Amino acid sequence: MEKSEIKGFIAKRVAQELKDGDVVNLGIGIPSLCGSYAVDGVLFQSENGFIGIGPTVQEGLMKNERFVNAGGVPFVPVPGSSAFDVAMSFNVIRCGRLAATVLGGLQVSAQGDLANWATPGRAFGMGGAMDLCNGARKVIVAMELVAKDGSPKVVSRCTLPLTAVKCVNHIVTDRCVIDGTEEGLVLSEIRKGHTVEEIQAAVEPVLLVSPDLKEMEED
């Protein structure tokens, strides 16, 4: 599967968690693609000062340099969208108005801790992620299950600088969906062609397997 197809698959599955009336923040990378798959009525927020972010601008369409998300990607605003300053944007984030935030991840721990802003020798900039993890009612991490070198991204304990602790509700990957619960990480969905044993071998912590384990939806 091509890289773009993997990203699209993850974003589409994340979008299933979102419903009409939700105000949702999208991080950069895979999360920014979710707007192209969500049901009508989901309002996407960006910490640089927008509510009402629509699909990303496709090649050949005219771009408006004023309408860009937090990752600098041009988007099409939906009817009723609004723009405001960054101070107001973070008021929205911190007051609990967001139904969810969708963020990328470098590591997620067995306790639901998230590390997503720095690797050895390279800091990406935490941005608003720290506020989002503590302000949104649900934190969804969208990432591939393993790193480029095959090392686990779901780990017993994060070794990279933390963004927030005990904040992750769902991890949506290219192979499975893992839920963060008080009892531990629960494998709730698995993609066709993969096995529980394979998923367990690709992560560090021991996963609980949901009694209602189901297959991830495909196109």
Protein backbone atom coordinates (compact mmCIF):
# COMPACT_ATOMS: atom_id res chain seq x y z
CA MET A 1 0.00 0.00 0.00
CA GLU A 2 1.31 3.45 -0.94
CA LYS A 3 2.16 5.91 1.85
CA SER A 4 -0.66 8.22 0.81
CA GLU A 5 -3.12 5.33 0.93
CA ILE A 6 -1.98 4.38 4.43
CA LYS A 7 -2.47 7.94 5.63
CA GLY A 8 -5.88 8.13 4.00
CA PHE A 9 -6.96 4.83 5.57
CA ILE A 10 -6.01 6.05 9.05
CA ALA A 11 -7.68 9.44 8.56
CA LYS A 12 -10.88 7.82 7.29
CA ARG A 13 -11.07 5.54 10.33
CA VAL A 14 -10.48 8.46 12.69
CA ALA A 15 -13.33 10.35 11.02
CA GLN A 16 -15.71 7.60 12.10
CA GLU A 17 -15.21 8.78 15.69
CA LEU A 18 -16.61 12.21 14.86
CA LYS A 19 -20.29 13.15 14.70
CA ASP A 20 -22.50 15.99 13.57
CA GLY A 21 -22.18 18.95 15.94
CA ASP A 22 -18.68 18.13 17.18
CA VAL A 23 -16.03 20.84 17.21
CA VAL A 24 -12.74 19.05 16.60
CA ASN A 25 -9.12 20.16 16.41
CA LEU A 26 -6.87 18.58 13.80
CA GLY A 27 -3.10 18.42 14.18
CA ILE A 28 -0.64 18.41 11.31
CA GLY A 29 0.18 15.37 9.17
CA ILE A 30 -2.34 12.51 9.06
CA PRO A 31 -4.85 14.33 11.33
CA SER A 32 -5.17 17.19 8.82
CA LEU A 33 -6.66 14.73 6.29
CA CYS A 34 -9.66 13.86 8.47
CA GLY A 35 -11.68 16.82 7.21
CA SER A 36 -12.00 15.13 3.83
CA TYR A 37 -13.76 12.09 5.36
CA ALA A 38 -15.92 13.40 8.21
CA VAL A 39 -19.71 13.53 8.10
CA ASP A 40 -21.43 16.85 7.45
CA GLY A 41 -21.85 18.96 10.55
CA VAL A 42 -18.43 18.35 12.10
CA LEU A 43 -16.67 21.69 12.60
CA PHE A 44 -12.89 21.57 12.53
CA GLN A 45 -10.82 24.01 14.58
CA SER A 46 -7.21 25.07 14.11
CA GLU A 47 -5.22 26.69 16.89
CA ASN A 48 -4.01 29.41 14.55
CA GLY A 49 -7.54 30.85 14.65
CA PHE A 50 -10.25 29.09 12.62
CA ILE A 51 -13.42 27.12 13.17
CA GLY A 52 -14.97 25.69 10.04
CA ILE A 53 -12.00 24.18 8.21
CA GLY A 54 -13.10 22.21 5.17
CA PRO A 55 -11.18 19.87 2.83
CA THR A 56 -7.64 20.70 1.82
CA VAL A 57 -7.28 22.59 -1.45
CA GLN A 58 -6.63 20.17 -4.30
CA GLU A 59 -4.16 20.89 -7.07
CA GLY A 60 -5.64 23.10 -9.76
CA LEU A 61 -7.94 25.03 -7.41
CA MET A 62 -7.26 28.62 -6.43
CA LYS A 63 -5.65 28.98 -3.00
CA ASN A 64 -6.37 31.76 -0.53
CA GLU A 65 -3.26 32.40 1.54
CA ARG A 66 -5.38 33.56 4.48
CA PHE A 67 -7.06 30.17 4.80
CA VAL A 68 -4.35 27.79 6.02
CA ASN A 69 -4.43 25.32 8.89
CA ALA A 70 -1.87 25.04 11.68
CA GLY A 71 0.42 23.09 9.37
CA GLY A 72 0.32 25.80 6.71
CA VAL A 73 -1.86 23.71 4.38
CA PRO A 74 -4.51 25.68 2.41
CA PHE A 75 -8.12 24.62 3.03
CA VAL A 76 -11.61 25.42 1.80
CA PRO A 77 -13.71 27.07 4.56
CA VAL A 78 -17.21 25.68 5.08
CA PRO A 79 -20.32 27.90 5.24
CA GLY A 80 -20.54 29.55 8.64
CA SER A 81 -16.82 29.30 9.35
CA SER A 82 -15.14 31.98 11.42
CA ALA A 83 -11.64 33.37 11.95
CA PHE A 84 -10.28 34.95 15.12
CA ASP A 85 -7.02 35.65 16.90
CA VAL A 86 -4.83 33.04 18.56
CA ALA A 87 -5.81 34.16 22.08
CA MET A 88 -9.46 33.41 21.35
CA SER A 89 -8.49 30.14 19.72
CA PHE A 90 -6.74 28.95 22.87
CA ASN A 91 -9.69 30.07 24.98
CA VAL A 92 -11.81 27.67 22.93
CA ILE A 93 -9.25 24.90 23.51
CA ARG A 94 -8.78 25.46 27.24
CA CYS A 95 -12.43 25.88 28.20
CA GLY A 96 -13.42 22.35 27.20
CA ARG A 97 -15.47 23.25 24.13
CA LEU A 98 -13.65 20.79 21.86
CA ALA A 99 -15.28 17.38 21.52
CA ALA A 100 -11.96 15.92 20.41
CA THR A 101 -8.47 16.60 19.16
CA VAL A 102 -6.72 14.43 16.59
CA LEU A 103 -2.95 14.43 16.89
CA GLY A 104 -0.01 12.62 15.40
CA GLY A 105 2.20 10.55 17.68
CA LEU A 106 5.82 9.52 18.02
CA GLN A 107 5.16 7.35 21.09
CA VAL A 108 2.14 6.41 23.20
CA SER A 109 2.76 4.65 26.50
CA ALA A 110 0.84 1.89 28.27
CA GLN A 111 -0.50 4.57 30.62
CA GLY A 112 -1.83 6.71 27.76
CA ASP A 113 1.02 9.25 27.86
CA LEU A 114 1.75 10.98 24.54
CA ALA A 115 5.08 12.09 23.07
CA ASN A 116 4.69 13.82 19.72
CA TRP A 117 6.92 16.87 19.45
CA ALA A 118 10.62 15.98 19.69
CA THR A 119 13.13 13.28 18.84
CA PRO A 120 16.83 13.15 19.77
CA GLY A 121 18.52 16.09 18.08
CA ARG A 122 15.32 17.42 16.58
CA ALA A 123 12.50 19.40 18.17
CA PHE A 124 9.40 19.99 16.04
CA GLY A 125 7.83 22.50 18.40
CA MET A 126 5.07 21.46 20.78
CA GLY A 127 2.68 24.09 19.46
CA GLY A 128 -0.76 23.82 21.03
CA ALA A 129 -0.61 20.07 21.66
CA MET A 130 -0.08 20.40 25.42
CA ASP A 131 -3.19 22.56 25.74
CA LEU A 132 -5.18 20.34 23.39
CA CYS A 133 -4.42 17.16 25.34
CA ASN A 134 -5.66 18.80 28.53
CA GLY A 135 -8.56 20.79 27.06
CA ALA A 136 -10.27 18.48 24.57
CA ARG A 137 -12.77 15.96 25.90
CA LYS A 138 -11.25 13.17 23.78
CA VAL A 139 -7.70 12.69 22.48
CA ILE A 140 -7.29 10.56 19.34
CA VAL A 141 -3.80 9.72 18.12
CA ALA A 142 -3.50 8.98 14.39
CA MET A 143 -0.23 7.26 13.48
CA GLU A 144 1.32 4.18 11.91
CA LEU A 145 1.72 1.33 14.38
CA VAL A 146 5.51 1.19 14.09
CA ALA A 147 8.26 3.66 13.21
CA LYS A 148 10.09 3.71 9.87
CA ASP A 149 12.77 1.41 11.29
CA GLY A 150 10.16 -1.03 12.59
CA SER A 151 10.55 -0.07 16.24
CA PRO A 152 7.42 0.15 18.42
CA LYS A 153 5.56 3.43 18.75
CA VAL A 154 3.21 1.96 21.36
CA VAL A 155 5.62 1.52 24.25
CA SER A 156 5.67 0.55 27.91
CA ARG A 157 7.09 3.96 28.83
CA CYS A 158 7.80 6.94 26.60
CA THR A 159 11.48 7.70 26.14
CA LEU A 160 10.88 10.87 24.13
CA PRO A 161 9.87 14.21 25.71
CA LEU A 162 6.24 14.06 26.83
CA THR A 163 3.45 16.22 25.47
CA ALA A 164 0.93 15.18 28.14
CA VAL A 165 0.33 12.31 30.55
CA LYS A 166 -2.58 9.85 30.71
CA CYS A 167 -4.47 11.69 27.99
CA VAL A 168 -4.90 9.29 25.04
CA ASN A 169 -8.37 7.78 24.50
CA HIS A 170 -7.86 6.10 21.13
CA ILE A 171 -4.89 5.14 18.95
CA VAL A 172 -5.89 4.67 15.31
CA THR A 173 -3.21 3.01 13.18
CA ASP A 174 -2.76 1.34 9.81
CA ARG A 175 -3.22 -2.11 11.40
CA CYS A 176 -5.53 -1.70 14.37
CA VAL A 177 -7.38 0.52 16.82
CA ILE A 178 -6.24 0.53 20.45
CA ASP A 179 -8.28 2.18 23.21
CA GLY A 180 -6.82 3.74 26.34
CA THR A 181 -8.73 2.65 29.45
CA GLU A 182 -8.22 2.63 33.22
CA GLU A 183 -7.39 -1.08 32.97
CA GLY A 184 -4.78 -0.61 30.23
CA LEU A 185 -4.55 -0.54 26.45
CA VAL A 186 -7.33 -2.50 24.77
CA LEU A 187 -7.14 -3.85 21.22
CA SER A 188 -10.64 -3.09 19.91
CA GLU A 189 -10.29 -3.37 16.11
CA ILE A 190 -7.92 -5.17 13.79
CA ARG A 191 -7.41 -4.83 10.08
CA LYS A 192 -8.12 -7.72 7.74
CA GLY A 193 -4.98 -9.71 7.04
CA HIS A 194 -3.45 -9.06 10.45
CA THR A 195 -3.60 -11.10 13.66
CA VAL A 196 -3.71 -10.37 17.37
CA GLU A 197 -0.34 -12.08 17.74
CA GLU A 198 1.19 -9.84 15.05
CA ILE A 199 -0.14 -6.68 16.69
CA GLN A 200 1.13 -7.79 20.09
CA ALA A 201 4.57 -8.48 18.67
CA ALA A 202 4.71 -4.94 17.22
CA VAL A 203 4.06 -3.16 20.54
CA GLU A 204 5.82 -3.24 23.92
CA PRO A 205 3.01 -3.37 26.52
CA VAL A 206 0.75 -6.37 26.86
CA LEU A 207 -2.56 -5.50 25.20
CA LEU A 208 -5.94 -6.47 26.53
CA VAL A 209 -8.14 -7.88 23.77
CA SER A 210 -11.71 -6.64 23.66
CA PRO A 211 -14.34 -9.38 23.82
CA ASP A 212 -16.03 -7.42 21.03
CA LEU A 213 -12.90 -7.27 18.84
CA LYS A 214 -13.98 -6.45 15.29
CA GLU A 215 -12.48 -5.94 11.86
CA MET A 216 -11.63 -2.43 10.71
CA GLU A 217 -13.80 -1.20 7.86
CA GLU A 218 -12.26 -1.04 4.42
CA ASP A 219 -13.42 0.94 1.36
